[in-house]
Amino acid sequence: MSQLWRFEGRSRRRVAEPDRGVVATVLWTPFLVAKRVRSLFWTLPPTESLLPSYVLAGLCGSLPFVGGLLAVFASGASNDPQTGAQLSNSLIDVAIVGTVGYAVGLPVVAALGLPRAGLDWDPTGYGASTWLLLAVGGVWYALVFAVPLVLLGVVFALPT
């Protein structure tokens, strides 16, 4: 596993596991090949610049999955060894809801919500290909989180 440096105050320490939002942001970069996607990030506030908007959106996009994971573990199901199946089901539910949410939500927000909010970003006019690109991008981004959650759910479902 790669080593990253995290800065805490004036000191820095080496950590073994990178932030999932950073990983997802890096793995989603192939979509920046599309001019429409670059245009979207150029238009997004607060920076109206490609790289800062992309990184900020990528990290903020991880919050629903991270929040869902924390909610599952905060439910207390992980404290009882007999509730591994319940924990497993909850993790898989978070993965499914998150993936469907991103596949549907990203195109709706980007192609309908942003233009209505005054952020006209698509130079091609929000056609079917834009919707498809956004839906595929949403699924791709969500799978970066969903696959590890499902695998973790399978592990919790295994008999002890």
C-alpha atoms as a PDB file:
ATOM      1  CA  MET A   1       0.000   0.000   0.000  1.00  0.00           C
ATOM      2  CA  SER A   2       1.376   3.422  -0.843  1.00  0.00           C
ATOM      3  CA  GLN A   3       2.665   5.707   1.843  1.00  0.00           C
ATOM      4  CA  LEU A   4       1.384   9.268   2.091  1.00  0.00           C
ATOM      5  CA  TRP A   5       2.457  12.177   4.225  1.00  0.00           C
ATOM      6  CA  ARG A   6      -0.160  13.919   6.327  1.00  0.00           C
ATOM      7  CA  PHE A   7       0.563  17.232   7.915  1.00  0.00           C
ATOM      8  CA  GLU A   8      -0.731  17.841  11.417  1.00  0.00           C
ATOM      9  CA  GLY A   9       0.191  21.268  12.650  1.00  0.00           C
ATOM     10  CA  ARG A  10       3.925  21.700  12.104  1.00  0.00           C
ATOM     11  CA  SER A  11       4.773  18.018  12.157  1.00  0.00           C
ATOM     12  CA  ARG A  12       4.217  15.417   9.521  1.00  0.00           C
ATOM     13  CA  ARG A  13       3.733  11.697   9.828  1.00  0.00           C
ATOM     14  CA  ARG A  14       3.611   8.817   7.423  1.00  0.00           C
ATOM     15  CA  VAL A  15       0.287   7.023   7.036  1.00  0.00           C
ATOM     16  CA  ALA A  16      -0.403   3.806   5.199  1.00  0.00           C
ATOM     17  CA  GLU A  17      -3.960   4.335   3.954  1.00  0.00           C
ATOM     18  CA  PRO A  18      -4.892   7.287   1.732  1.00  0.00           C
ATOM     19  CA  ASP A  19      -8.157   9.156   2.077  1.00  0.00           C
ATOM     20  CA  ARG A  20     -10.865   7.487  -0.047  1.00  0.00           C
ATOM     21  CA  GLY A  21     -11.883  10.862  -1.486  1.00  0.00           C
ATOM     22  CA  VAL A  22      -8.369  11.401  -2.813  1.00  0.00           C
ATOM     23  CA  VAL A  23      -8.299   7.920  -4.354  1.00  0.00           C
ATOM     24  CA  ALA A  24     -11.695   8.440  -5.976  1.00  0.00           C
ATOM     25  CA  THR A  25     -10.647  11.834  -7.315  1.00  0.00           C
ATOM     26  CA  VAL A  26      -7.503  10.368  -8.869  1.00  0.00           C
ATOM     27  CA  LEU A  27      -9.361   7.383 -10.347  1.00  0.00           C
ATOM     28  CA  TRP A  28     -12.002   9.680 -11.886  1.00  0.00           C
ATOM     29  CA  THR A  29      -9.427  11.758 -13.818  1.00  0.00           C
ATOM     30  CA  PRO A  30      -9.957   9.900 -17.139  1.00  0.00           C
ATOM     31  CA  PHE A  31     -13.267  11.742 -17.407  1.00  0.00           C
ATOM     32  CA  LEU A  32     -11.342  15.003 -17.657  1.00  0.00           C
ATOM     33  CA  VAL A  33     -10.516  13.998 -21.242  1.00  0.00           C
ATOM     34  CA  ALA A  34     -14.063  15.057 -22.177  1.00  0.00           C
ATOM     35  CA  LYS A  35     -14.234  18.775 -22.926  1.00  0.00           C
ATOM     36  CA  ARG A  36     -17.704  18.939 -21.361  1.00  0.00           C
ATOM     37  CA  VAL A  37     -16.448  17.607 -18.036  1.00  0.00           C
ATOM     38  CA  ARG A  38     -13.528  20.044 -18.007  1.00  0.00           C
ATOM     39  CA  SER A  39     -15.984  22.822 -18.783  1.00  0.00           C
ATOM     40  CA  LEU A  40     -18.108  21.751 -15.815  1.00  0.00           C
ATOM     41  CA  PHE A  41     -15.200  22.037 -13.388  1.00  0.00           C
ATOM     42  CA  TRP A  42     -14.034  25.322 -14.907  1.00  0.00           C
ATOM     43  CA  THR A  43     -17.496  26.739 -14.212  1.00  0.00           C
ATOM     44  CA  LEU A  44     -17.943  25.493 -10.642  1.00  0.00           C
ATOM     45  CA  PRO A  45     -17.523  28.003  -7.846  1.00  0.00           C
ATOM     46  CA  PRO A  46     -15.769  29.033  -5.667  1.00  0.00           C
ATOM     47  CA  THR A  47     -12.574  29.008  -7.730  1.00  0.00           C
ATOM     48  CA  GLU A  48     -13.830  28.805 -11.335  1.00  0.00           C
ATOM     49  CA  SER A  49     -10.601  26.969 -12.044  1.00  0.00           C
ATOM     50  CA  LEU A  50     -10.198  23.372 -13.189  1.00  0.00           C
ATOM     51  CA  LEU A  51      -7.892  21.751 -10.637  1.00  0.00           C
ATOM     52  CA  PRO A  52      -9.156  23.293  -7.376  1.00  0.00           C
ATOM     53  CA  SER A  53     -12.800  22.775  -8.376  1.00  0.00           C
ATOM     54  CA  TYR A  54     -12.096  19.189  -9.416  1.00  0.00           C
ATOM     55  CA  VAL A  55     -10.314  18.326  -6.167  1.00  0.00           C
ATOM     56  CA  LEU A  56     -12.943  20.052  -4.021  1.00  0.00           C
ATOM     57  CA  ALA A  57     -15.824  18.338  -5.842  1.00  0.00           C
ATOM     58  CA  GLY A  58     -14.069  14.967  -5.671  1.00  0.00           C
ATOM     59  CA  LEU A  59     -13.454  15.216  -1.948  1.00  0.00           C
ATOM     60  CA  CYS A  60     -16.946  16.521  -1.187  1.00  0.00           C
ATOM     61  CA  GLY A  61     -18.376  13.739  -3.317  1.00  0.00           C
ATOM     62  CA  SER A  62     -16.911  11.184  -0.924  1.00  0.00           C
ATOM     63  CA  LEU A  63     -18.896  12.513   2.046  1.00  0.00           C
ATOM     64  CA  PRO A  64     -22.120  10.518   1.457  1.00  0.00           C
ATOM     65  CA  PHE A  65     -20.214   7.234   1.368  1.00  0.00           C
ATOM     66  CA  VAL A  66     -18.018   8.103   4.325  1.00  0.00           C
ATOM     67  CA  GLY A  67     -21.086   9.296   6.243  1.00  0.00           C
ATOM     68  CA  GLY A  68     -22.957   6.096   5.402  1.00  0.00           C
ATOM     69  CA  LEU A  69     -20.031   3.965   6.530  1.00  0.00           C
ATOM     70  CA  LEU A  70     -19.758   5.879   9.796  1.00  0.00           C
ATOM     71  CA  ALA A  71     -23.512   5.614  10.362  1.00  0.00           C
ATOM     72  CA  VAL A  72     -23.398   1.846   9.875  1.00  0.00           C
ATOM     73  CA  PHE A  73     -20.591   1.435  12.393  1.00  0.00           C
ATOM     74  CA  ALA A  74     -22.141   3.932  14.808  1.00  0.00           C
ATOM     75  CA  SER A  75     -25.342   1.864  14.867  1.00  0.00           C
ATOM     76  CA  GLY A  76     -23.607  -0.515  17.260  1.00  0.00           C
ATOM     77  CA  ALA A  77     -24.068  -3.582  15.094  1.00  0.00           C
ATOM     78  CA  SER A  78     -20.305  -4.098  14.951  1.00  0.00           C
ATOM     79  CA  ASN A  79     -20.113  -4.600  18.732  1.00  0.00           C
ATOM     80  CA  ASP A  80     -22.126  -7.834  18.687  1.00  0.00           C
ATOM     81  CA  PRO A  81     -20.510 -10.796  16.925  1.00  0.00           C
ATOM     82  CA  GLN A  82     -23.954 -12.275  16.163  1.00  0.00           C
ATOM     83  CA  THR A  83     -24.965  -9.316  14.008  1.00  0.00           C
ATOM     84  CA  GLY A  84     -22.367  -9.716  11.253  1.00  0.00           C
ATOM     85  CA  ALA A  85     -25.117 -10.366   8.710  1.00  0.00           C
ATOM     86  CA  GLN A  86     -26.938  -7.198   9.746  1.00  0.00           C
ATOM     87  CA  LEU A  87     -23.726  -5.204   9.429  1.00  0.00           C
ATOM     88  CA  SER A  88     -23.043  -6.818   6.068  1.00  0.00           C
ATOM     89  CA  ASN A  89     -26.513  -5.960   4.784  1.00  0.00           C
ATOM     90  CA  SER A  90     -26.158  -2.374   5.976  1.00  0.00           C
ATOM     91  CA  LEU A  91     -22.824  -1.934   4.197  1.00  0.00           C
ATOM     92  CA  ILE A  92     -24.215  -3.378   0.974  1.00  0.00           C
ATOM     93  CA  ASP A  93     -27.266  -1.106   1.299  1.00  0.00           C
ATOM     94  CA  VAL A  94     -24.991   1.939   1.586  1.00  0.00           C
ATOM     95  CA  ALA A  95     -23.099   0.798  -1.523  1.00  0.00           C
ATOM     96  CA  ILE A  96     -26.271   0.255  -3.566  1.00  0.00           C
ATOM     97  CA  VAL A  97     -28.014   3.461  -2.496  1.00  0.00           C
ATOM     98  CA  GLY A  98     -24.835   5.467  -3.048  1.00  0.00           C
ATOM     99  CA  THR A  99     -24.209   4.032  -6.499  1.00  0.00           C
ATOM    100  CA  VAL A 100     -27.788   4.586  -7.670  1.00  0.00           C
ATOM    101  CA  GLY A 101     -27.738   8.036  -6.089  1.00  0.00           C
ATOM    102  CA  TYR A 102     -24.630   9.029  -8.006  1.00  0.00           C
ATOM    103  CA  ALA A 103     -25.787   7.449 -11.285  1.00  0.00           C
ATOM    104  CA  VAL A 104     -29.064   9.393 -11.145  1.00  0.00           C
ATOM    105  CA  GLY A 105     -28.137  12.372  -8.996  1.00  0.00           C
ATOM    106  CA  LEU A 106     -25.004  13.536 -10.787  1.00  0.00           C
ATOM    107  CA  PRO A 107     -26.683  13.994 -14.180  1.00  0.00           C
ATOM    108  CA  VAL A 108     -29.744  15.649 -12.630  1.00  0.00           C
ATOM    109  CA  VAL A 109     -27.723  18.100 -10.550  1.00  0.00           C
ATOM    110  CA  ALA A 110     -25.188  18.851 -13.297  1.00  0.00           C
ATOM    111  CA  ALA A 111     -27.513  19.037 -16.299  1.00  0.00           C
ATOM    112  CA  LEU A 112     -30.642  20.474 -14.672  1.00  0.00           C
ATOM    113  CA  GLY A 113     -29.698  22.056 -11.353  1.00  0.00           C
ATOM    114  CA  LEU A 114     -26.524  23.938 -12.246  1.00  0.00           C
ATOM    115  CA  PRO A 115     -27.927  25.672 -15.367  1.00  0.00           C
ATOM    116  CA  ARG A 116     -30.999  26.744 -13.380  1.00  0.00           C
ATOM    117  CA  ALA A 117     -28.638  28.146 -10.735  1.00  0.00           C
ATOM    118  CA  GLY A 118     -26.947  30.250 -13.415  1.00  0.00           C
ATOM    119  CA  LEU A 119     -23.973  27.967 -14.128  1.00  0.00           C
ATOM    120  CA  ASP A 120     -24.242  27.191 -17.844  1.00  0.00           C
ATOM    121  CA  TRP A 121     -21.324  24.825 -18.390  1.00  0.00           C
ATOM    122  CA  ASP A 122     -22.101  22.497 -21.326  1.00  0.00           C
ATOM    123  CA  PRO A 123     -20.981  23.894 -24.683  1.00  0.00           C
ATOM    124  CA  THR A 124     -22.935  21.128 -26.491  1.00  0.00           C
ATOM    125  CA  GLY A 125     -26.340  21.968 -25.039  1.00  0.00           C
ATOM    126  CA  TYR A 126     -27.041  19.243 -22.441  1.00  0.00           C
ATOM    127  CA  GLY A 127     -27.947  16.536 -24.967  1.00  0.00           C
ATOM    128  CA  ALA A 128     -28.272  12.804 -24.439  1.00  0.00           C
ATOM    129  CA  SER A 129     -24.521  12.272 -24.726  1.00  0.00           C
ATOM    130  CA  THR A 130     -23.923  14.700 -21.858  1.00  0.00           C
ATOM    131  CA  TRP A 131     -26.443  12.870 -19.686  1.00  0.00           C
ATOM    132  CA  LEU A 132     -24.823   9.534 -20.560  1.00  0.00           C
ATOM    133  CA  LEU A 133     -21.334  10.858 -19.829  1.00  0.00           C
ATOM    134  CA  LEU A 134     -22.490  12.167 -16.449  1.00  0.00           C
ATOM    135  CA  ALA A 135     -24.316   8.934 -15.574  1.00  0.00           C
ATOM    136  CA  VAL A 136     -21.301   6.791 -16.463  1.00  0.00           C
ATOM    137  CA  GLY A 137     -19.068   9.175 -14.531  1.00  0.00           C
ATOM    138  CA  GLY A 138     -21.365   8.967 -11.514  1.00  0.00           C
ATOM    139  CA  VAL A 139     -21.337   5.169 -11.573  1.00  0.00           C
ATOM    140  CA  TRP A 140     -17.560   5.081 -12.037  1.00  0.00           C
ATOM    141  CA  TYR A 141     -17.010   7.427  -9.077  1.00  0.00           C
ATOM    142  CA  ALA A 142     -19.494   5.525  -6.897  1.00  0.00           C
ATOM    143  CA  LEU A 143     -17.918   2.144  -7.675  1.00  0.00           C
ATOM    144  CA  VAL A 144     -14.645   3.350  -6.176  1.00  0.00           C
ATOM    145  CA  PHE A 145     -16.524   3.425  -2.865  1.00  0.00           C
ATOM    146  CA  ALA A 146     -19.086   0.684  -3.450  1.00  0.00           C
ATOM    147  CA  VAL A 147     -16.692  -2.136  -4.304  1.00  0.00           C
ATOM    148  CA  PRO A 148     -14.718  -1.879  -1.029  1.00  0.00           C
ATOM    149  CA  LEU A 149     -17.985  -1.563   0.941  1.00  0.00           C
ATOM    150  CA  VAL A 150     -19.420  -4.694  -0.669  1.00  0.00           C
ATOM    151  CA  LEU A 151     -16.191  -6.593  -0.056  1.00  0.00           C
ATOM    152  CA  LEU A 152     -16.239  -5.473   3.567  1.00  0.00           C
ATOM    153  CA  GLY A 153     -19.874  -6.582   3.754  1.00  0.00           C
ATOM    154  CA  VAL A 154     -18.899 -10.021   2.452  1.00  0.00           C
ATOM    155  CA  VAL A 155     -16.202 -10.275   5.107  1.00  0.00           C
ATOM    156  CA  PHE A 156     -18.697  -9.418   7.869  1.00  0.00           C
ATOM    157  CA  ALA A 157     -21.124 -11.998   6.490  1.00  0.00           C
ATOM    158  CA  LEU A 158     -18.598 -14.811   6.785  1.00  0.00           C
ATOM    159  CA  PRO A 159     -19.142 -17.171   9.708  1.00  0.00           C
ATOM    160  CA  THR A 160     -16.877 -16.644  12.671  1.00  0.00           C
END
